[in-house]
Amino acid sequence: MIAIVAALFITALAAGSDDEVMARLHVQVDARDLTVPSCRDVFARDPEAGLATIGFRYRVADAHALAGGQYTGTVVFELSTITISVPDSIRWPQMSQADRVRVEALRRAIVHHEIGHVRVAEAVRNALNPQPPIVASDIFAFRADADAVGRAGFERFTREEREYDAFTDHGRRQNAAPLPLRGPDTILPCSTD
C-alpha cells in the first residue's frame, strides 16, 4: 500500500474543485436512476456504483525529417471523451428521510471518486507530455520509437488508474487518499430495521 500512496504523490494532481475539473476537461455525465428492493441491494449487482470512461490516447506532433536522413517528432498524450456514469438518484420502497440523506451523501461520494479517476488521468497526461522529441535514424525507427513511447504512456495511465482504485478500494476508503482525491467513502450504512 505504501508504494501505491507514493505513486499517487509522484503524479502531481491539478488543483480545483470537482466542478472545476469537470468544466476544464469537458466531462460528460451519464446519470441514471437506481431503483433497488432495499438499502442492502444498492451494491448487490456492482460493488462500484459509478464508472469513469476516459479516452486516453497519443499522437505525434511536429514530425519531420532532419538533415542526414534522421526523423524527429514529439509524442503528445491527450484526453478525449470523458464520461462519468453515476446514479442521479437511488431509491427503494419505504425510504425514510434519514435514508434519503445517506443516499445523497453516497451519491456525492461516488461522483467525487469518479472525478478522482479523471484527476489521475489528467495528472498522467501532464507528467508525460514534457518529454523531449524523439530523434531516430529513419522514419521506420521513428514510428517504432513513437509507438513504444505511446504504449508505455498508456500502460502508465492504466496502472495508475488501477492503483487509485486499489488504494481507495473503489471509493470505499476514499478518506485515505491524498488531497485532492481525499473525500467521503462510498459506503451506505443500512439500518438494521
N, C-alpha and C. Protein backbone atom coordinates (compact mmCIF):
# COMPACT_ATOMS: atom_id res chain seq x y z
N MET A 1 0.81 -1.20 0.00
CA MET A 1 0.00 0.00 0.00
C MET A 1 0.85 1.27 0.00
N ILE A 2 1.98 1.25 0.67
CA ILE A 2 2.83 2.44 0.73
C ILE A 2 3.30 2.81 -0.67
N ALA A 3 3.63 1.84 -1.50
CA ALA A 3 4.07 2.12 -2.86
C ALA A 3 2.96 2.80 -3.66
N ILE A 4 1.72 2.38 -3.44
CA ILE A 4 0.60 2.99 -4.16
C ILE A 4 0.44 4.44 -3.75
N VAL A 5 0.54 4.73 -2.45
CA VAL A 5 0.43 6.11 -1.99
C VAL A 5 1.55 6.93 -2.59
N ALA A 6 2.76 6.37 -2.63
CA ALA A 6 3.89 7.07 -3.22
C ALA A 6 3.63 7.38 -4.69
N ALA A 7 3.06 6.43 -5.42
CA ALA A 7 2.76 6.66 -6.83
C ALA A 7 1.75 7.80 -6.99
N LEU A 8 0.78 7.87 -6.10
CA LEU A 8 -0.20 8.95 -6.19
C LEU A 8 0.45 10.30 -5.89
N PHE A 9 1.46 10.33 -5.04
CA PHE A 9 2.15 11.57 -4.74
C PHE A 9 3.12 11.97 -5.84
N ILE A 10 3.68 10.98 -6.55
CA ILE A 10 4.63 11.27 -7.62
C ILE A 10 3.94 12.03 -8.74
N THR A 11 2.74 11.64 -9.08
CA THR A 11 2.00 12.30 -10.13
C THR A 11 1.30 13.52 -9.54
N ALA A 12 1.69 14.70 -10.01
CA ALA A 12 1.12 15.94 -9.47
C ALA A 12 -0.32 16.08 -9.93
N LEU A 13 -1.21 16.21 -8.96
CA LEU A 13 -2.63 16.35 -9.26
C LEU A 13 -2.98 17.83 -9.36
N ALA A 14 -3.71 18.18 -10.41
CA ALA A 14 -4.12 19.57 -10.61
C ALA A 14 -5.12 19.98 -9.54
N ALA A 15 -5.03 21.23 -9.16
CA ALA A 15 -5.94 21.78 -8.15
C ALA A 15 -7.31 22.03 -8.76
N GLY A 16 -8.24 22.35 -7.89
CA GLY A 16 -9.58 22.72 -8.34
C GLY A 16 -10.62 21.79 -7.76
N SER A 17 -11.82 22.32 -7.69
CA SER A 17 -12.94 21.54 -7.18
C SER A 17 -13.34 20.50 -8.23
N ASP A 18 -14.17 19.57 -7.82
CA ASP A 18 -14.68 18.57 -8.76
C ASP A 18 -15.39 19.25 -9.93
N ASP A 19 -16.17 20.29 -9.65
CA ASP A 19 -16.87 21.02 -10.72
C ASP A 19 -15.88 21.68 -11.67
N GLU A 20 -14.79 22.22 -11.13
CA GLU A 20 -13.77 22.85 -11.99
C GLU A 20 -13.09 21.82 -12.88
N VAL A 21 -12.80 20.63 -12.33
CA VAL A 21 -12.21 19.56 -13.14
C VAL A 21 -13.17 19.16 -14.25
N MET A 22 -14.44 19.02 -13.92
CA MET A 22 -15.44 18.63 -14.92
C MET A 22 -15.53 19.67 -16.03
N ALA A 23 -15.50 20.95 -15.67
CA ALA A 23 -15.58 22.00 -16.68
C ALA A 23 -14.30 22.07 -17.51
N ARG A 24 -13.15 21.99 -16.86
CA ARG A 24 -11.86 22.11 -17.55
C ARG A 24 -11.68 21.00 -18.59
N LEU A 25 -12.12 19.79 -18.26
CA LEU A 25 -11.91 18.65 -19.15
C LEU A 25 -13.16 18.23 -19.90
N HIS A 26 -14.22 19.04 -19.81
CA HIS A 26 -15.47 18.79 -20.54
C HIS A 26 -16.01 17.39 -20.26
N VAL A 27 -16.07 17.05 -18.97
CA VAL A 27 -16.55 15.73 -18.55
C VAL A 27 -18.06 15.65 -18.78
N GLN A 28 -18.47 14.59 -19.44
CA GLN A 28 -19.89 14.33 -19.64
C GLN A 28 -20.38 13.45 -18.50
N VAL A 29 -21.62 13.67 -18.09
CA VAL A 29 -22.19 12.88 -17.01
C VAL A 29 -23.35 12.06 -17.56
N ASP A 30 -23.27 10.77 -17.33
CA ASP A 30 -24.34 9.84 -17.67
C ASP A 30 -25.00 9.46 -16.35
N ALA A 31 -26.05 10.19 -16.00
CA ALA A 31 -26.74 9.97 -14.73
C ALA A 31 -27.95 9.08 -14.97
N ARG A 32 -28.15 8.15 -14.05
CA ARG A 32 -29.29 7.24 -14.18
C ARG A 32 -29.89 7.00 -12.80
N ASP A 33 -31.14 6.64 -12.81
CA ASP A 33 -31.82 6.31 -11.56
C ASP A 33 -31.52 4.86 -11.20
N LEU A 34 -31.29 4.63 -9.94
CA LEU A 34 -31.04 3.28 -9.44
C LEU A 34 -32.16 2.94 -8.47
N THR A 35 -33.00 2.01 -8.86
CA THR A 35 -34.10 1.57 -8.00
C THR A 35 -33.82 0.12 -7.61
N VAL A 36 -33.81 -0.11 -6.30
CA VAL A 36 -33.48 -1.43 -5.76
C VAL A 36 -34.54 -1.84 -4.74
N PRO A 37 -34.60 -3.13 -4.39
CA PRO A 37 -35.60 -3.58 -3.41
C PRO A 37 -35.37 -3.04 -2.00
N SER A 38 -34.08 -2.85 -1.62
CA SER A 38 -33.79 -2.39 -0.26
C SER A 38 -32.42 -1.73 -0.23
N CYS A 39 -32.09 -1.11 0.87
CA CYS A 39 -30.80 -0.48 1.05
C CYS A 39 -29.66 -1.47 0.79
N ARG A 40 -29.80 -2.67 1.29
CA ARG A 40 -28.73 -3.67 1.16
C ARG A 40 -28.48 -4.10 -0.29
N ASP A 41 -29.40 -3.75 -1.19
CA ASP A 41 -29.27 -4.13 -2.59
C ASP A 41 -28.58 -3.07 -3.44
N VAL A 42 -28.22 -1.94 -2.86
CA VAL A 42 -27.62 -0.85 -3.64
C VAL A 42 -26.35 -1.33 -4.33
N PHE A 43 -25.52 -2.10 -3.63
CA PHE A 43 -24.27 -2.58 -4.20
C PHE A 43 -24.32 -4.07 -4.55
N ALA A 44 -25.51 -4.66 -4.61
CA ALA A 44 -25.63 -6.10 -4.85
C ALA A 44 -25.15 -6.50 -6.25
N ARG A 45 -25.51 -5.73 -7.26
CA ARG A 45 -25.12 -6.08 -8.63
C ARG A 45 -23.70 -5.65 -8.96
N ASP A 46 -23.28 -4.52 -8.42
CA ASP A 46 -21.97 -3.98 -8.74
C ASP A 46 -21.42 -3.30 -7.49
N PRO A 47 -20.23 -3.72 -7.04
CA PRO A 47 -19.69 -3.11 -5.83
C PRO A 47 -19.29 -1.65 -6.01
N GLU A 48 -19.21 -1.19 -7.25
CA GLU A 48 -18.90 0.22 -7.50
C GLU A 48 -20.05 0.81 -8.30
N ALA A 49 -20.76 1.75 -7.72
CA ALA A 49 -21.97 2.29 -8.35
C ALA A 49 -21.68 3.32 -9.42
N GLY A 50 -20.42 3.69 -9.62
CA GLY A 50 -20.06 4.66 -10.64
C GLY A 50 -19.03 4.09 -11.58
N LEU A 51 -18.78 4.82 -12.66
CA LEU A 51 -17.79 4.39 -13.64
C LEU A 51 -17.26 5.61 -14.36
N ALA A 52 -15.95 5.69 -14.53
CA ALA A 52 -15.33 6.73 -15.34
C ALA A 52 -14.80 6.08 -16.61
N THR A 53 -15.19 6.60 -17.75
CA THR A 53 -14.69 6.15 -19.04
C THR A 53 -13.87 7.29 -19.62
N ILE A 54 -12.57 7.03 -19.80
CA ILE A 54 -11.65 8.10 -20.18
C ILE A 54 -10.92 7.71 -21.45
N GLY A 55 -11.05 8.54 -22.46
CA GLY A 55 -10.30 8.34 -23.69
C GLY A 55 -8.89 8.89 -23.50
N PHE A 56 -7.91 7.99 -23.42
CA PHE A 56 -6.51 8.37 -23.24
C PHE A 56 -5.77 7.91 -24.48
N ARG A 57 -5.19 8.85 -25.21
CA ARG A 57 -4.55 8.47 -26.47
C ARG A 57 -3.30 9.31 -26.69
N TYR A 58 -2.56 8.97 -27.72
CA TYR A 58 -1.39 9.75 -28.08
C TYR A 58 -1.38 10.01 -29.58
N ARG A 59 -0.65 11.03 -29.94
CA ARG A 59 -0.44 11.37 -31.35
C ARG A 59 0.98 11.90 -31.48
N VAL A 60 1.46 11.98 -32.69
CA VAL A 60 2.79 12.52 -32.94
C VAL A 60 2.63 13.93 -33.49
N ALA A 61 3.33 14.87 -32.90
CA ALA A 61 3.27 16.27 -33.33
C ALA A 61 4.62 16.69 -33.90
N ASP A 62 4.57 17.60 -34.83
CA ASP A 62 5.76 18.22 -35.41
C ASP A 62 6.76 17.19 -35.95
N ALA A 63 6.25 16.14 -36.57
CA ALA A 63 7.14 15.13 -37.15
C ALA A 63 7.72 15.66 -38.46
N HIS A 64 9.04 15.50 -38.60
CA HIS A 64 9.69 15.95 -39.84
C HIS A 64 11.08 15.33 -39.97
N ALA A 65 11.58 15.36 -41.20
CA ALA A 65 12.91 14.83 -41.49
C ALA A 65 13.96 15.87 -41.13
N LEU A 66 15.08 15.38 -40.68
CA LEU A 66 16.23 16.23 -40.38
C LEU A 66 17.29 16.03 -41.46
N ALA A 67 18.24 16.93 -41.51
CA ALA A 67 19.36 16.76 -42.44
C ALA A 67 20.07 15.45 -42.10
N GLY A 68 20.49 14.75 -43.09
CA GLY A 68 21.18 13.49 -42.86
C GLY A 68 20.25 12.30 -42.80
N GLY A 69 18.93 12.50 -43.05
CA GLY A 69 18.01 11.38 -43.09
C GLY A 69 17.36 11.00 -41.77
N GLN A 70 17.76 11.65 -40.67
CA GLN A 70 17.10 11.34 -39.39
C GLN A 70 15.68 11.89 -39.41
N TYR A 71 14.89 11.40 -38.46
CA TYR A 71 13.50 11.81 -38.36
C TYR A 71 13.22 12.18 -36.90
N THR A 72 12.39 13.20 -36.70
CA THR A 72 12.09 13.65 -35.34
C THR A 72 10.62 14.03 -35.21
N GLY A 73 10.16 14.06 -33.99
CA GLY A 73 8.80 14.46 -33.66
C GLY A 73 8.56 14.23 -32.18
N THR A 74 7.44 14.72 -31.71
CA THR A 74 7.12 14.65 -30.28
C THR A 74 5.84 13.84 -30.08
N VAL A 75 5.86 12.94 -29.13
CA VAL A 75 4.66 12.19 -28.76
C VAL A 75 3.87 13.04 -27.77
N VAL A 76 2.61 13.28 -28.10
CA VAL A 76 1.73 14.10 -27.27
C VAL A 76 0.57 13.24 -26.79
N PHE A 77 0.34 13.24 -25.49
CA PHE A 77 -0.76 12.47 -24.90
C PHE A 77 -1.95 13.40 -24.71
N GLU A 78 -3.15 12.86 -24.97
CA GLU A 78 -4.38 13.65 -24.88
C GLU A 78 -5.47 12.86 -24.17
N LEU A 79 -6.37 13.61 -23.57
CA LEU A 79 -7.60 13.04 -23.02
C LEU A 79 -8.69 13.42 -24.00
N SER A 80 -9.42 12.42 -24.48
CA SER A 80 -10.53 12.71 -25.38
C SER A 80 -11.82 12.60 -24.59
N THR A 81 -12.80 11.95 -25.10
CA THR A 81 -14.11 11.88 -24.44
C THR A 81 -13.99 11.28 -23.04
N ILE A 82 -14.51 12.02 -22.08
CA ILE A 82 -14.52 11.56 -20.69
C ILE A 82 -15.98 11.56 -20.23
N THR A 83 -16.42 10.42 -19.75
CA THR A 83 -17.79 10.29 -19.25
C THR A 83 -17.75 9.62 -17.88
N ILE A 84 -18.47 10.20 -16.94
CA ILE A 84 -18.67 9.50 -15.67
C ILE A 84 -20.13 9.08 -15.60
N SER A 85 -20.32 7.83 -15.26
CA SER A 85 -21.66 7.27 -15.07
C SER A 85 -21.89 7.16 -13.58
N VAL A 86 -22.91 7.85 -13.11
CA VAL A 86 -23.20 7.91 -11.68
C VAL A 86 -24.72 7.88 -11.47
N PRO A 87 -25.13 7.44 -10.30
CA PRO A 87 -26.57 7.48 -10.02
C PRO A 87 -27.07 8.91 -9.89
N ASP A 88 -28.15 9.21 -10.56
CA ASP A 88 -28.82 10.51 -10.38
C ASP A 88 -29.67 10.45 -9.13
N SER A 89 -30.20 9.27 -8.88
CA SER A 89 -30.97 9.02 -7.66
C SER A 89 -30.84 7.55 -7.31
N ILE A 90 -31.03 7.26 -6.03
CA ILE A 90 -31.03 5.88 -5.54
C ILE A 90 -32.29 5.76 -4.69
N ARG A 91 -33.10 4.76 -5.01
CA ARG A 91 -34.39 4.61 -4.31
C ARG A 91 -34.69 3.16 -4.00
N TRP A 92 -35.43 2.99 -2.94
CA TRP A 92 -36.03 1.70 -2.62
C TRP A 92 -37.34 2.00 -1.89
N PRO A 93 -38.23 1.02 -1.85
CA PRO A 93 -39.54 1.26 -1.20
C PRO A 93 -39.38 1.63 0.27
N GLN A 94 -40.23 2.51 0.71
CA GLN A 94 -40.34 2.91 2.11
C GLN A 94 -39.06 3.52 2.67
N MET A 95 -38.40 4.34 1.84
CA MET A 95 -37.22 5.04 2.32
C MET A 95 -37.63 6.08 3.35
N SER A 96 -36.83 6.21 4.38
CA SER A 96 -37.07 7.24 5.38
C SER A 96 -36.32 8.51 4.98
N GLN A 97 -36.57 9.59 5.68
CA GLN A 97 -35.83 10.83 5.41
C GLN A 97 -34.34 10.62 5.70
N ALA A 98 -34.02 9.87 6.73
CA ALA A 98 -32.62 9.57 7.05
C ALA A 98 -31.97 8.77 5.92
N ASP A 99 -32.74 7.85 5.32
CA ASP A 99 -32.23 7.10 4.16
C ASP A 99 -31.90 8.04 3.01
N ARG A 100 -32.79 9.00 2.75
CA ARG A 100 -32.58 9.95 1.66
C ARG A 100 -31.31 10.78 1.88
N VAL A 101 -31.08 11.17 3.12
CA VAL A 101 -29.88 11.96 3.45
C VAL A 101 -28.62 11.10 3.21
N ARG A 102 -28.64 9.85 3.68
CA ARG A 102 -27.48 8.95 3.48
C ARG A 102 -27.25 8.67 2.01
N VAL A 103 -28.32 8.50 1.24
CA VAL A 103 -28.21 8.22 -0.18
C VAL A 103 -27.62 9.43 -0.91
N GLU A 104 -28.03 10.62 -0.56
CA GLU A 104 -27.48 11.81 -1.22
C GLU A 104 -26.00 11.95 -0.89
N ALA A 105 -25.59 11.66 0.33
CA ALA A 105 -24.17 11.69 0.69
C ALA A 105 -23.40 10.64 -0.12
N LEU A 106 -23.97 9.46 -0.27
CA LEU A 106 -23.33 8.41 -1.08
C LEU A 106 -23.21 8.85 -2.53
N ARG A 107 -24.25 9.42 -3.06
CA ARG A 107 -24.23 9.86 -4.47
C ARG A 107 -23.11 10.88 -4.69
N ARG A 108 -22.98 11.84 -3.79
CA ARG A 108 -21.90 12.84 -3.90
C ARG A 108 -20.53 12.18 -3.78
N ALA A 109 -20.40 11.19 -2.89
CA ALA A 109 -19.13 10.47 -2.72
C ALA A 109 -18.77 9.70 -3.99
N ILE A 110 -19.75 9.12 -4.64
CA ILE A 110 -19.50 8.38 -5.89
C ILE A 110 -18.99 9.35 -6.96
N VAL A 111 -19.64 10.49 -7.09
CA VAL A 111 -19.20 11.49 -8.07
C VAL A 111 -17.75 11.89 -7.79
N HIS A 112 -17.43 12.16 -6.52
CA HIS A 112 -16.07 12.57 -6.16
C HIS A 112 -15.06 11.47 -6.51
N HIS A 113 -15.38 10.22 -6.23
CA HIS A 113 -14.47 9.12 -6.56
C HIS A 113 -14.23 9.05 -8.07
N GLU A 114 -15.28 9.17 -8.85
CA GLU A 114 -15.13 9.09 -10.31
C GLU A 114 -14.35 10.28 -10.85
N ILE A 115 -14.54 11.45 -10.29
CA ILE A 115 -13.74 12.61 -10.69
C ILE A 115 -12.28 12.38 -10.30
N GLY A 116 -12.04 11.60 -9.25
CA GLY A 116 -10.68 11.22 -8.90
C GLY A 116 -10.00 10.47 -10.04
N HIS A 117 -10.73 9.60 -10.72
CA HIS A 117 -10.18 8.91 -11.89
C HIS A 117 -9.77 9.93 -12.96
N VAL A 118 -10.61 10.93 -13.15
CA VAL A 118 -10.31 11.97 -14.15
C VAL A 118 -9.07 12.75 -13.73
N ARG A 119 -8.96 13.06 -12.44
CA ARG A 119 -7.76 13.78 -11.95
C ARG A 119 -6.49 12.96 -12.19
N VAL A 120 -6.56 11.66 -11.93
CA VAL A 120 -5.40 10.80 -12.14
C VAL A 120 -5.02 10.79 -13.62
N ALA A 121 -5.99 10.66 -14.50
CA ALA A 121 -5.72 10.65 -15.95
C ALA A 121 -5.09 11.98 -16.38
N GLU A 122 -5.62 13.07 -15.89
CA GLU A 122 -5.07 14.39 -16.23
C GLU A 122 -3.63 14.51 -15.73
N ALA A 123 -3.37 14.03 -14.54
CA ALA A 123 -2.02 14.11 -13.97
C ALA A 123 -1.03 13.26 -14.77
N VAL A 124 -1.46 12.08 -15.19
CA VAL A 124 -0.58 11.23 -16.01
C VAL A 124 -0.29 11.93 -17.33
N ARG A 125 -1.32 12.45 -17.97
CA ARG A 125 -1.11 13.18 -19.24
C ARG A 125 -0.11 14.32 -19.04
N ASN A 126 -0.32 15.11 -17.98
CA ASN A 126 0.55 16.26 -17.73
C ASN A 126 1.99 15.84 -17.43
N ALA A 127 2.16 14.70 -16.78
CA ALA A 127 3.51 14.22 -16.47
C ALA A 127 4.22 13.68 -17.71
N LEU A 128 3.47 13.11 -18.63
CA LEU A 128 4.07 12.51 -19.82
C LEU A 128 4.41 13.52 -20.92
N ASN A 129 3.66 14.59 -21.01
CA ASN A 129 3.81 15.49 -22.16
C ASN A 129 5.11 16.28 -22.22
N PRO A 130 5.80 16.57 -21.13
CA PRO A 130 7.05 17.33 -21.26
C PRO A 130 8.25 16.54 -21.81
N GLN A 131 8.04 15.32 -22.27
CA GLN A 131 9.14 14.52 -22.80
C GLN A 131 9.79 15.21 -23.99
N PRO A 132 11.10 15.01 -24.15
CA PRO A 132 11.79 15.62 -25.30
C PRO A 132 11.38 14.92 -26.60
N PRO A 133 11.60 15.58 -27.73
CA PRO A 133 11.28 14.95 -29.01
C PRO A 133 12.10 13.68 -29.22
N ILE A 134 11.55 12.79 -30.01
CA ILE A 134 12.24 11.57 -30.41
C ILE A 134 13.07 11.90 -31.66
N VAL A 135 14.27 11.42 -31.69
CA VAL A 135 15.11 11.52 -32.88
C VAL A 135 15.53 10.10 -33.23
N ALA A 136 15.24 9.70 -34.47
CA ALA A 136 15.55 8.34 -34.91
C ALA A 136 16.28 8.37 -36.25
N SER A 137 16.90 7.27 -36.56
CA SER A 137 17.73 7.18 -37.76
C SER A 137 16.93 7.31 -39.06
N ASP A 138 15.65 6.88 -39.04
CA ASP A 138 14.81 6.99 -40.24
C ASP A 138 13.34 6.95 -39.80
N ILE A 139 12.45 7.08 -40.75
CA ILE A 139 11.01 7.13 -40.46
C ILE A 139 10.51 5.85 -39.81
N PHE A 140 11.06 4.71 -40.20
CA PHE A 140 10.59 3.43 -39.65
C PHE A 140 11.00 3.29 -38.19
N ALA A 141 12.23 3.66 -37.89
CA ALA A 141 12.69 3.63 -36.50
C ALA A 141 11.92 4.66 -35.67
N PHE A 142 11.63 5.80 -36.27
CA PHE A 142 10.87 6.83 -35.56
C PHE A 142 9.48 6.31 -35.20
N ARG A 143 8.80 5.70 -36.14
CA ARG A 143 7.45 5.15 -35.88
C ARG A 143 7.50 4.11 -34.77
N ALA A 144 8.50 3.24 -34.81
CA ALA A 144 8.62 2.21 -33.77
C ALA A 144 8.88 2.85 -32.41
N ASP A 145 9.75 3.85 -32.36
CA ASP A 145 10.04 4.54 -31.10
C ASP A 145 8.81 5.28 -30.57
N ALA A 146 8.10 5.97 -31.47
CA ALA A 146 6.90 6.71 -31.07
C ALA A 146 5.83 5.76 -30.53
N ASP A 147 5.64 4.63 -31.20
CA ASP A 147 4.67 3.64 -30.72
C ASP A 147 5.07 3.09 -29.36
N ALA A 148 6.37 2.88 -29.14
CA ALA A 148 6.84 2.38 -27.84
C ALA A 148 6.57 3.41 -26.75
N VAL A 149 6.81 4.67 -27.03
CA VAL A 149 6.54 5.73 -26.05
C VAL A 149 5.04 5.81 -25.78
N GLY A 150 4.24 5.72 -26.83
CA GLY A 150 2.78 5.76 -26.67
C GLY A 150 2.25 4.61 -25.85
N ARG A 151 2.74 3.40 -26.12
CA ARG A 151 2.30 2.23 -25.35
C ARG A 151 2.72 2.35 -23.88
N ALA A 152 3.93 2.82 -23.65
CA ALA A 152 4.41 2.99 -22.26
C ALA A 152 3.55 4.01 -21.53
N GLY A 153 3.18 5.08 -22.20
CA GLY A 153 2.31 6.09 -21.57
C GLY A 153 0.94 5.53 -21.25
N PHE A 154 0.37 4.76 -22.18
CA PHE A 154 -0.93 4.16 -21.93
C PHE A 154 -0.85 3.16 -20.79
N GLU A 155 0.23 2.39 -20.73
CA GLU A 155 0.40 1.44 -19.63
C GLU A 155 0.51 2.17 -18.29
N ARG A 156 1.18 3.30 -18.27
CA ARG A 156 1.26 4.08 -17.03
C ARG A 156 -0.13 4.58 -16.63
N PHE A 157 -0.87 5.10 -17.58
CA PHE A 157 -2.24 5.56 -17.31
C PHE A 157 -3.06 4.42 -16.71
N THR A 158 -3.02 3.27 -17.34
CA THR A 158 -3.79 2.11 -16.87
C THR A 158 -3.34 1.69 -15.47
N ARG A 159 -2.04 1.64 -15.24
CA ARG A 159 -1.51 1.24 -13.93
C ARG A 159 -1.94 2.22 -12.84
N GLU A 160 -1.82 3.52 -13.09
CA GLU A 160 -2.18 4.50 -12.06
C GLU A 160 -3.68 4.51 -11.79
N GLU A 161 -4.49 4.27 -12.81
CA GLU A 161 -5.94 4.16 -12.59
C GLU A 161 -6.25 2.95 -11.69
N ARG A 162 -5.60 1.82 -11.97
CA ARG A 162 -5.81 0.61 -11.14
C ARG A 162 -5.31 0.85 -9.72
N GLU A 163 -4.16 1.50 -9.57
CA GLU A 163 -3.62 1.76 -8.24
C GLU A 163 -4.54 2.68 -7.44
N TYR A 164 -5.13 3.66 -8.10
CA TYR A 164 -6.07 4.55 -7.43
C TYR A 164 -7.26 3.75 -6.90
N ASP A 165 -7.83 2.89 -7.73
CA ASP A 165 -8.96 2.06 -7.29
C ASP A 165 -8.54 1.09 -6.19
N ALA A 166 -7.36 0.50 -6.32
CA ALA A 166 -6.90 -0.45 -5.29
C ALA A 166 -6.68 0.27 -3.96
N PHE A 167 -6.05 1.43 -4.00
CA PHE A 167 -5.76 2.15 -2.77
C PHE A 167 -7.05 2.62 -2.08
N THR A 168 -8.01 3.09 -2.86
CA THR A 168 -9.27 3.58 -2.27
C THR A 168 -10.32 2.49 -2.14
N ASP A 169 -10.01 1.26 -2.56
CA ASP A 169 -10.98 0.17 -2.58
C ASP A 169 -12.24 0.61 -3.33
N HIS A 170 -12.01 1.13 -4.53
CA HIS A 170 -13.10 1.60 -5.40
C HIS A 170 -13.96 2.66 -4.71
N GLY A 171 -13.33 3.48 -3.88
CA GLY A 171 -14.04 4.57 -3.21
C GLY A 171 -14.44 4.26 -1.79
N ARG A 172 -14.43 3.01 -1.39
CA ARG A 172 -14.87 2.66 -0.04
C ARG A 172 -13.90 3.14 1.03
N ARG A 173 -12.67 3.50 0.61
CA ARG A 173 -11.67 4.06 1.53
C ARG A 173 -11.14 5.38 0.96
N GLN A 174 -12.02 6.17 0.39
CA GLN A 174 -11.63 7.43 -0.24
C GLN A 174 -10.98 8.38 0.76
N ASN A 175 -11.35 8.29 2.02
CA ASN A 175 -10.80 9.18 3.04
C ASN A 175 -9.31 8.96 3.27
N ALA A 176 -8.75 7.85 2.79
CA ALA A 176 -7.33 7.55 2.97
C ALA A 176 -6.47 8.13 1.85
N ALA A 177 -7.09 8.62 0.79
CA ALA A 177 -6.35 9.14 -0.36
C ALA A 177 -5.75 10.51 -0.05
N PRO A 178 -4.66 10.87 -0.74
CA PRO A 178 -4.10 12.21 -0.57
C PRO A 178 -5.02 13.26 -1.20
N LEU A 179 -4.91 14.49 -0.71
CA LEU A 179 -5.68 15.58 -1.32
C LEU A 179 -5.17 15.82 -2.73
N PRO A 180 -5.96 16.19 -3.67
CA PRO A 180 -7.39 16.48 -3.62
C PRO A 180 -8.28 15.26 -3.86
N LEU A 181 -7.70 14.06 -3.85
CA LEU A 181 -8.50 12.85 -4.04
C LEU A 181 -9.30 12.48 -2.79
N ARG A 182 -8.80 12.87 -1.63
CA ARG A 182 -9.46 12.51 -0.38
C ARG A 182 -10.90 13.03 -0.37
N GLY A 183 -11.77 12.21 0.18
CA GLY A 183 -13.17 12.59 0.27
C GLY A 183 -13.94 11.55 1.06
N PRO A 184 -15.25 11.68 1.06
CA PRO A 184 -16.07 10.72 1.79
C PRO A 184 -16.02 9.34 1.14
N ASP A 185 -16.13 8.32 1.96
CA ASP A 185 -16.13 6.94 1.49
C ASP A 185 -17.45 6.62 0.77
N THR A 186 -17.38 5.77 -0.23
CA THR A 186 -18.59 5.38 -0.97
C THR A 186 -19.21 4.16 -0.31
N ILE A 187 -19.69 4.38 0.90
CA ILE A 187 -20.37 3.32 1.64
C ILE A 187 -21.76 3.81 2.02
N LEU A 188 -22.65 2.89 2.22
CA LEU A 188 -24.02 3.22 2.60
C LEU A 188 -24.41 2.38 3.79
N PRO A 189 -24.37 2.97 4.97
CA PRO A 189 -24.82 2.21 6.15
C PRO A 189 -26.33 2.01 6.09
N CYS A 190 -26.75 0.78 6.22
CA CYS A 190 -28.18 0.46 6.20
C CYS A 190 -28.63 0.21 7.64
N SER A 191 -29.84 0.63 7.92
CA SER A 191 -30.36 0.39 9.26
C SER A 191 -30.63 -1.10 9.46
N THR A 192 -30.69 -1.51 10.68
CA THR A 192 -30.92 -2.91 10.99
C THR A 192 -32.40 -3.24 11.10
N ASP A 193 -33.23 -2.25 10.86
CA ASP A 193 -34.70 -2.48 10.95
C ASP A 193 -35.18 -3.41 9.88
